[in-house]
Amino acid sequence: MTTPQASHVHGRLVLSHGRLTLREQLPEEAAQLADGKPAGLVWIDGGPGEGTIIAAGMSTIAAAAGVYTPGWGLFVIQRSDVGLALGGIGFHGPPSAADGLVEIGYDLSESARGAGWATDAVLVLSRWALSRTGVNAVVATTDPGNRASQRVLERAGFGRVADRDAHWAYELRPAGRGATA
């Protein structure tokens, strides 16, 4: 996959590739999502899922603390053709200045699962991140029993690295740069 098309629309980063669009959620929208509201979007299952609600809360807290960094928060996963919201994906914050690692998390509404949307979203967000200066690797963690999420990461080219606490960790680096343990 090539680097996704990136644009800025109404002050937000929008990443597009084929059937998928990732639309950054500004702090005001994230606050609505954190409350379980649709934030002006049409959701496949009527509203955001639990993971998106939690991530939106993280973005809202970061904005309130004055540490929100545009482009490094929550994105809504949408079908490019009709704009239907399928889930959320985003960064746990900007890349670490110390090692260039950036962590992602994602979730899909139940009705969107099993059709490759999560894999596509992970690929689009990761490719964009790895094209940014200062990003050396994208990291994601899963619960050991979450085989579906592990398969998403494997299909997206991530490799397993040393566990982080009780979670399995996966990492994606640009070609030619090995994984860290």
N, C-alpha and C. Protein backbone atom coordinates (compact mmCIF):
# COMPACT_ATOMS: atom_id res chain seq x y z
N MET A 1 0.85 -1.18 0.00
CA MET A 1 0.00 0.00 0.00
C MET A 1 0.89 1.24 0.00
N THR A 2 0.51 2.20 -0.78
CA THR A 2 1.23 3.46 -0.81
C THR A 2 0.76 4.34 0.34
N THR A 3 1.49 5.43 0.57
CA THR A 3 1.09 6.38 1.60
C THR A 3 -0.28 6.93 1.22
N PRO A 4 -1.20 7.00 2.17
CA PRO A 4 -2.55 7.49 1.86
C PRO A 4 -2.55 8.96 1.48
N GLN A 5 -3.60 9.35 0.79
CA GLN A 5 -3.79 10.75 0.44
C GLN A 5 -4.18 11.50 1.71
N ALA A 6 -3.45 12.56 2.01
CA ALA A 6 -3.71 13.37 3.21
C ALA A 6 -4.16 14.75 2.78
N SER A 7 -5.20 15.24 3.44
CA SER A 7 -5.68 16.59 3.19
C SER A 7 -6.17 17.18 4.51
N HIS A 8 -6.38 18.47 4.50
CA HIS A 8 -6.96 19.13 5.68
C HIS A 8 -8.30 19.72 5.26
N VAL A 9 -9.34 19.32 5.97
CA VAL A 9 -10.70 19.78 5.67
C VAL A 9 -11.28 20.37 6.94
N HIS A 10 -11.61 21.64 6.91
CA HIS A 10 -12.19 22.33 8.07
C HIS A 10 -11.32 22.14 9.31
N GLY A 11 -10.00 22.26 9.13
CA GLY A 11 -9.08 22.19 10.25
C GLY A 11 -8.75 20.81 10.76
N ARG A 12 -9.18 19.78 10.07
CA ARG A 12 -8.92 18.41 10.51
C ARG A 12 -8.15 17.66 9.43
N LEU A 13 -7.34 16.72 9.87
CA LEU A 13 -6.60 15.85 8.96
C LEU A 13 -7.55 14.76 8.45
N VAL A 14 -7.54 14.54 7.15
CA VAL A 14 -8.34 13.49 6.53
C VAL A 14 -7.38 12.63 5.70
N LEU A 15 -7.39 11.33 6.00
CA LEU A 15 -6.55 10.37 5.28
C LEU A 15 -7.46 9.47 4.46
N SER A 16 -7.18 9.34 3.18
CA SER A 16 -8.02 8.53 2.30
C SER A 16 -7.18 7.54 1.52
N HIS A 17 -7.74 6.35 1.36
CA HIS A 17 -7.11 5.35 0.51
C HIS A 17 -8.21 4.38 0.07
N GLY A 18 -8.54 4.40 -1.21
CA GLY A 18 -9.55 3.48 -1.73
C GLY A 18 -10.90 3.62 -1.04
N ARG A 19 -11.39 2.53 -0.50
CA ARG A 19 -12.73 2.49 0.09
C ARG A 19 -12.82 3.12 1.47
N LEU A 20 -11.68 3.57 2.02
CA LEU A 20 -11.59 3.98 3.41
C LEU A 20 -11.19 5.44 3.56
N THR A 21 -11.83 6.12 4.51
CA THR A 21 -11.44 7.47 4.89
C THR A 21 -11.30 7.51 6.41
N LEU A 22 -10.21 8.08 6.89
CA LEU A 22 -10.01 8.32 8.31
C LEU A 22 -10.13 9.82 8.53
N ARG A 23 -11.09 10.22 9.35
CA ARG A 23 -11.38 11.64 9.58
C ARG A 23 -11.06 11.99 11.03
N GLU A 24 -10.04 12.86 11.20
CA GLU A 24 -9.65 13.28 12.54
C GLU A 24 -10.83 13.92 13.26
N GLN A 25 -10.94 13.63 14.54
CA GLN A 25 -11.99 14.22 15.36
C GLN A 25 -11.38 15.32 16.21
N LEU A 26 -11.84 16.53 16.00
CA LEU A 26 -11.35 17.66 16.76
C LEU A 26 -11.84 17.53 18.20
N PRO A 27 -11.22 18.23 19.14
CA PRO A 27 -11.59 18.07 20.56
C PRO A 27 -13.08 18.24 20.85
N GLU A 28 -13.75 19.16 20.16
CA GLU A 28 -15.20 19.37 20.41
C GLU A 28 -15.99 18.12 20.02
N GLU A 29 -15.63 17.51 18.90
CA GLU A 29 -16.31 16.29 18.45
C GLU A 29 -15.94 15.11 19.34
N ALA A 30 -14.69 15.06 19.75
CA ALA A 30 -14.25 13.97 20.63
C ALA A 30 -15.04 14.02 21.94
N ALA A 31 -15.33 15.22 22.43
CA ALA A 31 -16.11 15.34 23.67
C ALA A 31 -17.50 14.74 23.49
N GLN A 32 -18.11 14.96 22.32
CA GLN A 32 -19.42 14.37 22.05
C GLN A 32 -19.33 12.84 21.98
N LEU A 33 -18.31 12.36 21.27
CA LEU A 33 -18.13 10.91 21.16
C LEU A 33 -17.87 10.29 22.54
N ALA A 34 -17.12 10.99 23.38
CA ALA A 34 -16.82 10.48 24.72
C ALA A 34 -18.11 10.31 25.54
N ASP A 35 -19.14 11.11 25.21
CA ASP A 35 -20.44 10.99 25.86
C ASP A 35 -21.34 9.97 25.17
N GLY A 36 -20.81 9.25 24.16
CA GLY A 36 -21.59 8.25 23.44
C GLY A 36 -22.50 8.84 22.38
N LYS A 37 -22.36 10.13 22.09
CA LYS A 37 -23.18 10.79 21.06
C LYS A 37 -22.54 10.58 19.69
N PRO A 38 -23.33 10.69 18.62
CA PRO A 38 -22.79 10.41 17.28
C PRO A 38 -21.90 11.51 16.70
N ALA A 39 -21.86 12.69 17.31
CA ALA A 39 -21.00 13.80 16.85
C ALA A 39 -21.24 14.16 15.39
N GLY A 40 -22.51 14.14 14.98
CA GLY A 40 -22.86 14.53 13.62
C GLY A 40 -22.59 13.49 12.56
N LEU A 41 -22.22 12.29 12.97
CA LEU A 41 -21.92 11.21 12.04
C LEU A 41 -23.04 10.19 12.02
N VAL A 42 -23.15 9.46 10.92
CA VAL A 42 -24.09 8.34 10.83
C VAL A 42 -23.26 7.08 11.06
N TRP A 43 -23.59 6.36 12.15
CA TRP A 43 -22.85 5.18 12.56
C TRP A 43 -23.56 3.92 12.11
N ILE A 44 -22.79 2.94 11.69
CA ILE A 44 -23.35 1.69 11.19
C ILE A 44 -24.24 1.01 12.23
N ASP A 45 -23.88 1.12 13.51
CA ASP A 45 -24.68 0.50 14.57
C ASP A 45 -25.34 1.55 15.47
N GLY A 46 -25.52 2.76 14.96
CA GLY A 46 -26.25 3.79 15.68
C GLY A 46 -25.42 4.73 16.52
N GLY A 47 -24.21 4.36 16.88
CA GLY A 47 -23.36 5.22 17.68
C GLY A 47 -21.98 4.63 17.81
N PRO A 48 -21.06 5.38 18.42
CA PRO A 48 -19.68 4.89 18.56
C PRO A 48 -19.60 3.71 19.51
N GLY A 49 -18.63 2.84 19.26
CA GLY A 49 -18.39 1.69 20.12
C GLY A 49 -17.61 2.07 21.36
N GLU A 50 -17.49 1.12 22.27
CA GLU A 50 -16.84 1.36 23.56
C GLU A 50 -15.40 1.85 23.41
N GLY A 51 -14.63 1.22 22.51
CA GLY A 51 -13.24 1.64 22.31
C GLY A 51 -13.14 3.06 21.79
N THR A 52 -14.04 3.44 20.88
CA THR A 52 -14.04 4.80 20.35
C THR A 52 -14.42 5.79 21.44
N ILE A 53 -15.38 5.42 22.27
CA ILE A 53 -15.79 6.30 23.38
C ILE A 53 -14.61 6.52 24.34
N ILE A 54 -13.89 5.46 24.66
CA ILE A 54 -12.73 5.57 25.55
C ILE A 54 -11.65 6.45 24.92
N ALA A 55 -11.34 6.21 23.64
CA ALA A 55 -10.32 7.00 22.94
C ALA A 55 -10.73 8.47 22.85
N ALA A 56 -12.01 8.72 22.62
CA ALA A 56 -12.50 10.10 22.57
C ALA A 56 -12.31 10.77 23.93
N GLY A 57 -12.52 10.02 24.99
CA GLY A 57 -12.29 10.56 26.33
C GLY A 57 -10.83 10.93 26.54
N MET A 58 -9.93 10.09 26.01
CA MET A 58 -8.49 10.38 26.11
C MET A 58 -8.15 11.67 25.37
N SER A 59 -8.74 11.86 24.18
CA SER A 59 -8.50 13.09 23.41
C SER A 59 -9.06 14.31 24.15
N THR A 60 -10.22 14.14 24.75
CA THR A 60 -10.86 15.23 25.49
C THR A 60 -10.00 15.64 26.69
N ILE A 61 -9.49 14.66 27.40
CA ILE A 61 -8.62 14.94 28.56
C ILE A 61 -7.34 15.64 28.11
N ALA A 62 -6.75 15.16 27.01
CA ALA A 62 -5.53 15.79 26.49
C ALA A 62 -5.78 17.25 26.10
N ALA A 63 -6.92 17.51 25.45
CA ALA A 63 -7.25 18.88 25.06
C ALA A 63 -7.44 19.76 26.29
N ALA A 64 -8.15 19.26 27.30
CA ALA A 64 -8.39 20.04 28.52
C ALA A 64 -7.08 20.34 29.26
N ALA A 65 -6.11 19.42 29.15
CA ALA A 65 -4.82 19.60 29.81
C ALA A 65 -3.85 20.44 28.98
N GLY A 66 -4.27 20.80 27.75
CA GLY A 66 -3.42 21.61 26.89
C GLY A 66 -2.31 20.83 26.20
N VAL A 67 -2.44 19.49 26.14
CA VAL A 67 -1.40 18.68 25.52
C VAL A 67 -1.88 17.96 24.26
N TYR A 68 -3.08 18.28 23.79
CA TYR A 68 -3.59 17.68 22.56
C TYR A 68 -2.74 18.17 21.38
N THR A 69 -2.31 17.24 20.54
CA THR A 69 -1.50 17.58 19.37
C THR A 69 -2.30 17.22 18.12
N PRO A 70 -2.71 18.21 17.32
CA PRO A 70 -3.48 17.90 16.11
C PRO A 70 -2.77 16.87 15.24
N GLY A 71 -3.58 15.94 14.72
CA GLY A 71 -3.06 14.88 13.86
C GLY A 71 -2.65 13.63 14.63
N TRP A 72 -2.55 13.71 15.94
CA TRP A 72 -2.08 12.58 16.75
C TRP A 72 -3.12 12.15 17.77
N GLY A 73 -4.39 12.23 17.40
CA GLY A 73 -5.48 11.82 18.29
C GLY A 73 -6.36 10.79 17.63
N LEU A 74 -7.66 10.98 17.78
CA LEU A 74 -8.67 10.04 17.33
C LEU A 74 -9.15 10.35 15.92
N PHE A 75 -9.35 9.28 15.13
CA PHE A 75 -9.92 9.37 13.80
C PHE A 75 -11.13 8.44 13.75
N VAL A 76 -12.15 8.86 13.01
CA VAL A 76 -13.28 7.97 12.75
C VAL A 76 -13.01 7.25 11.45
N ILE A 77 -13.27 5.94 11.44
CA ILE A 77 -13.13 5.11 10.25
C ILE A 77 -14.44 5.21 9.48
N GLN A 78 -14.37 5.65 8.23
CA GLN A 78 -15.57 5.82 7.41
C GLN A 78 -15.43 5.13 6.06
N ARG A 79 -16.55 4.66 5.55
CA ARG A 79 -16.59 4.21 4.16
C ARG A 79 -16.49 5.45 3.28
N SER A 80 -15.57 5.44 2.34
CA SER A 80 -15.37 6.60 1.47
C SER A 80 -16.58 6.90 0.60
N ASP A 81 -17.30 5.85 0.17
CA ASP A 81 -18.39 6.06 -0.77
C ASP A 81 -19.61 6.75 -0.15
N VAL A 82 -19.94 6.43 1.09
CA VAL A 82 -21.17 6.98 1.68
C VAL A 82 -20.94 7.71 3.00
N GLY A 83 -19.71 7.70 3.51
CA GLY A 83 -19.40 8.40 4.75
C GLY A 83 -19.87 7.71 6.02
N LEU A 84 -20.35 6.49 5.92
CA LEU A 84 -20.85 5.76 7.08
C LEU A 84 -19.70 5.49 8.06
N ALA A 85 -19.90 5.84 9.34
CA ALA A 85 -18.89 5.63 10.37
C ALA A 85 -18.91 4.18 10.83
N LEU A 86 -17.75 3.54 10.81
CA LEU A 86 -17.63 2.11 11.13
C LEU A 86 -16.91 1.85 12.44
N GLY A 87 -16.18 2.83 12.96
CA GLY A 87 -15.41 2.64 14.18
C GLY A 87 -14.42 3.77 14.37
N GLY A 88 -13.47 3.52 15.23
CA GLY A 88 -12.46 4.53 15.52
C GLY A 88 -11.07 3.93 15.54
N ILE A 89 -10.10 4.78 15.25
CA ILE A 89 -8.68 4.41 15.29
C ILE A 89 -7.93 5.67 15.64
N GLY A 90 -6.83 5.51 16.32
CA GLY A 90 -6.07 6.71 16.62
C GLY A 90 -4.80 6.41 17.38
N PHE A 91 -4.14 7.49 17.71
CA PHE A 91 -2.87 7.45 18.41
C PHE A 91 -3.11 7.68 19.90
N HIS A 92 -2.26 7.09 20.71
CA HIS A 92 -2.32 7.32 22.14
C HIS A 92 -1.61 8.61 22.50
N GLY A 93 -1.15 9.34 21.51
CA GLY A 93 -0.44 10.60 21.68
C GLY A 93 0.57 10.74 20.56
N PRO A 94 1.28 11.85 20.55
CA PRO A 94 2.29 12.05 19.49
C PRO A 94 3.46 11.09 19.67
N PRO A 95 4.32 10.98 18.66
CA PRO A 95 5.47 10.08 18.76
C PRO A 95 6.39 10.49 19.91
N SER A 96 7.00 9.49 20.52
CA SER A 96 7.97 9.73 21.58
C SER A 96 9.22 10.38 20.99
N ALA A 97 9.65 11.47 21.59
CA ALA A 97 10.87 12.13 21.13
C ALA A 97 12.09 11.26 21.42
N ALA A 98 12.00 10.40 22.42
CA ALA A 98 13.14 9.57 22.82
C ALA A 98 13.44 8.46 21.82
N ASP A 99 12.39 7.79 21.31
CA ASP A 99 12.64 6.64 20.44
C ASP A 99 11.83 6.64 19.14
N GLY A 100 11.01 7.64 18.93
CA GLY A 100 10.25 7.73 17.69
C GLY A 100 9.12 6.73 17.59
N LEU A 101 8.69 6.14 18.71
CA LEU A 101 7.57 5.20 18.69
C LEU A 101 6.26 5.95 18.88
N VAL A 102 5.23 5.48 18.17
CA VAL A 102 3.88 6.01 18.34
C VAL A 102 2.95 4.81 18.46
N GLU A 103 2.04 4.87 19.43
CA GLU A 103 1.15 3.74 19.68
C GLU A 103 -0.24 4.03 19.13
N ILE A 104 -0.85 3.00 18.52
CA ILE A 104 -2.20 3.12 17.99
C ILE A 104 -3.14 2.15 18.71
N GLY A 105 -4.43 2.46 18.61
CA GLY A 105 -5.49 1.58 19.07
C GLY A 105 -6.66 1.74 18.12
N TYR A 106 -7.56 0.77 18.10
CA TYR A 106 -8.67 0.80 17.16
C TYR A 106 -9.80 -0.07 17.64
N ASP A 107 -11.01 0.22 17.14
CA ASP A 107 -12.14 -0.68 17.33
C ASP A 107 -13.13 -0.47 16.19
N LEU A 108 -13.90 -1.50 15.93
CA LEU A 108 -14.93 -1.44 14.89
C LEU A 108 -16.28 -1.75 15.50
N SER A 109 -17.30 -1.12 14.96
CA SER A 109 -18.66 -1.48 15.33
C SER A 109 -18.88 -2.93 14.92
N GLU A 110 -19.69 -3.62 15.68
CA GLU A 110 -19.90 -5.06 15.45
C GLU A 110 -20.31 -5.37 14.00
N SER A 111 -21.18 -4.56 13.42
CA SER A 111 -21.68 -4.82 12.06
C SER A 111 -20.62 -4.62 10.98
N ALA A 112 -19.51 -3.97 11.32
CA ALA A 112 -18.45 -3.72 10.34
C ALA A 112 -17.34 -4.76 10.39
N ARG A 113 -17.39 -5.64 11.36
CA ARG A 113 -16.31 -6.61 11.55
C ARG A 113 -16.32 -7.71 10.49
N GLY A 114 -15.12 -8.22 10.21
CA GLY A 114 -14.99 -9.35 9.29
C GLY A 114 -14.87 -9.00 7.83
N ALA A 115 -14.81 -7.71 7.51
CA ALA A 115 -14.73 -7.29 6.11
C ALA A 115 -13.42 -6.57 5.77
N GLY A 116 -12.43 -6.64 6.67
CA GLY A 116 -11.13 -6.04 6.39
C GLY A 116 -11.01 -4.57 6.71
N TRP A 117 -12.04 -3.97 7.28
CA TRP A 117 -11.99 -2.53 7.58
C TRP A 117 -10.90 -2.19 8.59
N ALA A 118 -10.77 -2.99 9.65
CA ALA A 118 -9.76 -2.70 10.67
C ALA A 118 -8.36 -2.81 10.08
N THR A 119 -8.10 -3.85 9.28
CA THR A 119 -6.79 -4.00 8.65
C THR A 119 -6.49 -2.80 7.76
N ASP A 120 -7.47 -2.41 6.94
CA ASP A 120 -7.27 -1.25 6.06
C ASP A 120 -6.98 0.01 6.87
N ALA A 121 -7.73 0.21 7.96
CA ALA A 121 -7.54 1.41 8.78
C ALA A 121 -6.16 1.41 9.44
N VAL A 122 -5.73 0.26 9.95
CA VAL A 122 -4.40 0.16 10.56
C VAL A 122 -3.32 0.46 9.52
N LEU A 123 -3.48 -0.08 8.32
CA LEU A 123 -2.51 0.19 7.25
C LEU A 123 -2.46 1.68 6.90
N VAL A 124 -3.60 2.30 6.72
CA VAL A 124 -3.64 3.72 6.33
C VAL A 124 -3.01 4.59 7.41
N LEU A 125 -3.42 4.40 8.66
CA LEU A 125 -2.89 5.24 9.73
C LEU A 125 -1.40 4.99 9.94
N SER A 126 -0.99 3.74 9.88
CA SER A 126 0.43 3.41 10.08
C SER A 126 1.30 3.95 8.96
N ARG A 127 0.85 3.81 7.72
CA ARG A 127 1.64 4.33 6.59
C ARG A 127 1.80 5.84 6.70
N TRP A 128 0.72 6.52 7.08
CA TRP A 128 0.81 7.97 7.24
C TRP A 128 1.81 8.30 8.35
N ALA A 129 1.69 7.63 9.49
CA ALA A 129 2.57 7.92 10.62
C ALA A 129 4.04 7.69 10.25
N LEU A 130 4.32 6.56 9.58
CA LEU A 130 5.69 6.25 9.23
C LEU A 130 6.27 7.20 8.18
N SER A 131 5.41 7.96 7.51
CA SER A 131 5.89 8.95 6.55
C SER A 131 6.23 10.28 7.23
N ARG A 132 5.96 10.40 8.52
CA ARG A 132 6.21 11.63 9.26
C ARG A 132 7.62 11.63 9.84
N THR A 133 8.23 12.78 9.86
CA THR A 133 9.55 12.95 10.45
C THR A 133 9.49 12.60 11.93
N GLY A 134 10.47 11.86 12.40
CA GLY A 134 10.56 11.53 13.82
C GLY A 134 9.84 10.27 14.23
N VAL A 135 9.11 9.62 13.30
CA VAL A 135 8.43 8.36 13.63
C VAL A 135 9.27 7.21 13.10
N ASN A 136 9.72 6.37 14.03
CA ASN A 136 10.54 5.21 13.68
C ASN A 136 9.74 3.91 13.63
N ALA A 137 8.63 3.85 14.39
CA ALA A 137 7.83 2.64 14.42
C ALA A 137 6.45 2.94 14.97
N VAL A 138 5.49 2.12 14.55
CA VAL A 138 4.13 2.17 15.08
C VAL A 138 3.95 0.92 15.93
N VAL A 139 3.41 1.09 17.12
CA VAL A 139 3.24 0.00 18.08
C VAL A 139 1.75 -0.15 18.39
N ALA A 140 1.31 -1.38 18.62
CA ALA A 140 -0.05 -1.66 19.07
C ALA A 140 0.02 -2.82 20.06
N THR A 141 -0.87 -2.82 21.04
CA THR A 141 -0.92 -3.92 22.00
C THR A 141 -2.31 -4.54 21.98
N THR A 142 -2.35 -5.82 22.34
CA THR A 142 -3.63 -6.53 22.42
C THR A 142 -3.65 -7.37 23.70
N ASP A 143 -4.84 -7.70 24.14
CA ASP A 143 -4.97 -8.70 25.19
C ASP A 143 -4.53 -10.02 24.58
N PRO A 144 -3.87 -10.89 25.35
CA PRO A 144 -3.41 -12.17 24.80
C PRO A 144 -4.51 -13.00 24.14
N GLY A 145 -5.74 -12.90 24.60
CA GLY A 145 -6.82 -13.69 24.03
C GLY A 145 -7.54 -13.05 22.86
N ASN A 146 -7.12 -11.86 22.45
CA ASN A 146 -7.82 -11.15 21.37
C ASN A 146 -7.21 -11.53 20.02
N ARG A 147 -7.52 -12.73 19.58
CA ARG A 147 -6.95 -13.25 18.33
C ARG A 147 -7.38 -12.42 17.12
N ALA A 148 -8.60 -11.91 17.11
CA ALA A 148 -9.05 -11.10 15.97
C ALA A 148 -8.17 -9.87 15.79
N SER A 149 -7.86 -9.18 16.86
CA SER A 149 -7.01 -7.99 16.76
C SER A 149 -5.59 -8.37 16.38
N GLN A 150 -5.11 -9.48 16.89
CA GLN A 150 -3.77 -9.94 16.52
C GLN A 150 -3.68 -10.25 15.03
N ARG A 151 -4.73 -10.85 14.48
CA ARG A 151 -4.75 -11.13 13.03
C ARG A 151 -4.76 -9.84 12.23
N VAL A 152 -5.49 -8.82 12.70
CA VAL A 152 -5.48 -7.53 12.01
C VAL A 152 -4.05 -7.01 11.92
N LEU A 153 -3.35 -7.01 13.03
CA LEU A 153 -1.98 -6.49 13.06
C LEU A 153 -1.05 -7.32 12.19
N GLU A 154 -1.18 -8.63 12.23
CA GLU A 154 -0.35 -9.49 11.39
C GLU A 154 -0.60 -9.23 9.91
N ARG A 155 -1.88 -9.10 9.52
CA ARG A 155 -2.20 -8.82 8.12
C ARG A 155 -1.66 -7.45 7.68
N ALA A 156 -1.56 -6.53 8.62
CA ALA A 156 -1.05 -5.19 8.31
C ALA A 156 0.48 -5.15 8.32
N GLY A 157 1.13 -6.29 8.58
CA GLY A 157 2.58 -6.35 8.51
C GLY A 157 3.31 -6.13 9.83
N PHE A 158 2.58 -6.03 10.93
CA PHE A 158 3.21 -5.85 12.23
C PHE A 158 3.83 -7.18 12.68
N GLY A 159 4.91 -7.08 13.43
CA GLY A 159 5.54 -8.25 14.00
C GLY A 159 5.46 -8.19 15.52
N ARG A 160 5.41 -9.36 16.13
CA ARG A 160 5.33 -9.43 17.59
C ARG A 160 6.67 -9.05 18.19
N VAL A 161 6.64 -8.24 19.24
CA VAL A 161 7.83 -7.82 19.97
C VAL A 161 7.61 -8.12 21.45
N ALA A 162 8.51 -7.70 22.30
CA ALA A 162 8.41 -7.98 23.74
C ALA A 162 7.09 -7.46 24.30
N ASP A 163 6.49 -8.28 25.17
CA ASP A 163 5.22 -7.90 25.80
C ASP A 163 5.37 -6.62 26.59
N ARG A 164 4.26 -5.92 26.72
CA ARG A 164 4.19 -4.71 27.55
C ARG A 164 3.19 -4.99 28.65
N ASP A 165 3.69 -5.11 29.85
CA ASP A 165 2.86 -5.50 30.99
C ASP A 165 2.18 -6.82 30.65
N ALA A 166 0.86 -6.88 30.73
CA ALA A 166 0.14 -8.13 30.46
C ALA A 166 -0.37 -8.19 29.02
N HIS A 167 0.08 -7.28 28.17
CA HIS A 167 -0.40 -7.22 26.79
C HIS A 167 0.66 -7.72 25.82
N TRP A 168 0.19 -8.31 24.72
CA TRP A 168 1.08 -8.67 23.63
C TRP A 168 1.32 -7.41 22.82
N ALA A 169 2.56 -7.18 22.43
CA ALA A 169 2.92 -5.98 21.67
C ALA A 169 3.32 -6.35 20.25
N TYR A 170 2.95 -5.48 19.34
CA TYR A 170 3.25 -5.64 17.92
C TYR A 170 3.83 -4.33 17.42
N GLU A 171 4.69 -4.42 16.41
CA GLU A 171 5.37 -3.24 15.92
C GLU A 171 5.50 -3.29 14.40
N LEU A 172 5.39 -2.13 13.79
CA LEU A 172 5.62 -1.97 12.36
C LEU A 172 6.66 -0.89 12.16
N ARG A 173 7.68 -1.23 11.41
CA ARG A 173 8.74 -0.27 11.07
C ARG A 173 8.84 -0.18 9.55
N PRO A 174 9.39 0.92 9.06
CA PRO A 174 9.61 0.99 7.61
C PRO A 174 10.55 -0.11 7.16
N ALA A 175 10.45 -0.52 5.92
CA ALA A 175 11.33 -1.56 5.36
C ALA A 175 12.78 -1.17 5.62
N GLY A 176 13.55 -2.16 6.04
CA GLY A 176 14.97 -1.90 6.28
C GLY A 176 15.30 -1.55 7.71
N ARG A 177 14.30 -1.31 8.54
CA ARG A 177 14.56 -1.03 9.96
C ARG A 177 13.94 -2.15 10.78
N GLY A 178 14.76 -2.89 11.51
CA GLY A 178 14.29 -4.03 12.28
C GLY A 178 13.45 -3.65 13.48
N ALA A 179 12.74 -4.64 14.00
CA ALA A 179 11.91 -4.44 15.20
C ALA A 179 12.78 -4.38 16.43
N THR A 180 12.26 -3.72 17.47
CA THR A 180 12.95 -3.68 18.75
C THR A 180 12.24 -4.62 19.70
N ALA A 181 12.99 -5.19 20.60
CA ALA A 181 12.38 -6.10 21.57
C ALA A 181 12.24 -5.45 22.92
